[in-house]
Amino acid sequence: MAPVGGTAIQDHVALAEIELCGELIIAASAARGRLSLESIDEVLKVAEERRTADR
C-alpha cells in the first residue's frame, strides 16, 4: 500500500523477482513438456550472472 501523500516506494528486488517469474511462466507455457533445469537456468540467466560474479 502506498503511503499517504501518494508517494510510491518501489522494491527493485521484488520487481526483478516478479519479472523473472513472468519469464518462467512464458517459457513453461511455450514448452511441450516440463522445462529442463538447463532451460530454467537459461530463462533466469543464471550463467550470465555467474560470469558477472566471477569478474
C-alpha atoms as a PDB file:
ATOM      1  CA  MET A   1       0.000   0.000   0.000  1.00  0.00           C
ATOM      2  CA  ALA A   2       1.357   3.422  -0.929  1.00  0.00           C
ATOM      3  CA  PRO A   3       1.961   5.831   1.932  1.00  0.00           C
ATOM      4  CA  VAL A   4      -0.406   8.738   2.445  1.00  0.00           C
ATOM      5  CA  GLY A   5       0.546  11.566   0.136  1.00  0.00           C
ATOM      6  CA  GLY A   6       0.763   9.436  -2.997  1.00  0.00           C
ATOM      7  CA  THR A   7       4.490   8.662  -2.906  1.00  0.00           C
ATOM      8  CA  ALA A   8       5.014   5.088  -4.085  1.00  0.00           C
ATOM      9  CA  ILE A   9       8.010   3.146  -2.881  1.00  0.00           C
ATOM     10  CA  GLN A  10       9.422   0.627  -5.336  1.00  0.00           C
ATOM     11  CA  ASP A  11      11.125  -2.518  -4.187  1.00  0.00           C
ATOM     12  CA  HIS A  12      13.512  -3.190  -7.077  1.00  0.00           C
ATOM     13  CA  VAL A  13      14.353  -6.698  -5.864  1.00  0.00           C
ATOM     14  CA  ALA A  14      10.689  -7.669  -5.706  1.00  0.00           C
ATOM     15  CA  LEU A  15      10.066  -6.203  -9.156  1.00  0.00           C
ATOM     16  CA  ALA A  16      13.006  -8.180 -10.581  1.00  0.00           C
ATOM     17  CA  GLU A  17      11.687 -11.392  -8.996  1.00  0.00           C
ATOM     18  CA  ILE A  18       8.227 -10.784 -10.443  1.00  0.00           C
ATOM     19  CA  GLU A  19       9.748 -10.236 -13.885  1.00  0.00           C
ATOM     20  CA  LEU A  20      11.730 -13.492 -13.640  1.00  0.00           C
ATOM     21  CA  CYS A  21       8.613 -15.402 -12.557  1.00  0.00           C
ATOM     22  CA  GLY A  22       6.801 -13.994 -15.566  1.00  0.00           C
ATOM     23  CA  GLU A  23       9.613 -15.117 -17.863  1.00  0.00           C
ATOM     24  CA  LEU A  24       9.420 -18.626 -16.378  1.00  0.00           C
ATOM     25  CA  ILE A  25       5.649 -18.737 -16.871  1.00  0.00           C
ATOM     26  CA  ILE A  26       6.026 -17.697 -20.508  1.00  0.00           C
ATOM     27  CA  ALA A  27       8.740 -20.307 -21.120  1.00  0.00           C
ATOM     28  CA  ALA A  28       6.718 -23.027 -19.397  1.00  0.00           C
ATOM     29  CA  SER A  29       3.587 -22.244 -21.393  1.00  0.00           C
ATOM     30  CA  ALA A  30       5.554 -22.401 -24.660  1.00  0.00           C
ATOM     31  CA  ALA A  31       7.262 -25.696 -23.793  1.00  0.00           C
ATOM     32  CA  ARG A  32       5.952 -29.065 -24.939  1.00  0.00           C
ATOM     33  CA  GLY A  33       6.650 -30.618 -21.557  1.00  0.00           C
ATOM     34  CA  ARG A  34       8.480 -29.808 -18.390  1.00  0.00           C
ATOM     35  CA  LEU A  35      11.312 -27.324 -18.575  1.00  0.00           C
ATOM     36  CA  SER A  36      14.706 -28.874 -18.045  1.00  0.00           C
ATOM     37  CA  LEU A  37      16.994 -27.442 -15.393  1.00  0.00           C
ATOM     38  CA  GLU A  38      19.154 -26.087 -18.199  1.00  0.00           C
ATOM     39  CA  SER A  39      16.153 -24.331 -19.748  1.00  0.00           C
ATOM     40  CA  ILE A  40      15.213 -22.808 -16.401  1.00  0.00           C
ATOM     41  CA  ASP A  41      18.780 -21.596 -15.906  1.00  0.00           C
ATOM     42  CA  GLU A  42      18.708 -20.081 -19.389  1.00  0.00           C
ATOM     43  CA  VAL A  43      15.433 -18.235 -18.699  1.00  0.00           C
ATOM     44  CA  LEU A  44      16.746 -16.986 -15.359  1.00  0.00           C
ATOM     45  CA  LYS A  45      20.095 -16.055 -16.968  1.00  0.00           C
ATOM     46  CA  VAL A  46      21.986 -17.993 -14.312  1.00  0.00           C
ATOM     47  CA  ALA A  47      25.109 -18.481 -16.451  1.00  0.00           C
ATOM     48  CA  GLU A  48      25.284 -14.746 -17.206  1.00  0.00           C
ATOM     49  CA  GLU A  49      25.042 -13.915 -13.505  1.00  0.00           C
ATOM     50  CA  ARG A  50      27.800 -16.403 -12.674  1.00  0.00           C
ATOM     51  CA  ARG A  51      30.107 -14.893 -15.326  1.00  0.00           C
ATOM     52  CA  THR A  52      29.414 -11.405 -13.988  1.00  0.00           C
ATOM     53  CA  ALA A  53      30.065 -12.521 -10.401  1.00  0.00           C
ATOM     54  CA  ASP A  54      33.367 -14.180 -11.362  1.00  0.00           C
ATOM     55  CA  ARG A  55      34.813 -10.924 -12.690  1.00  0.00           C
END
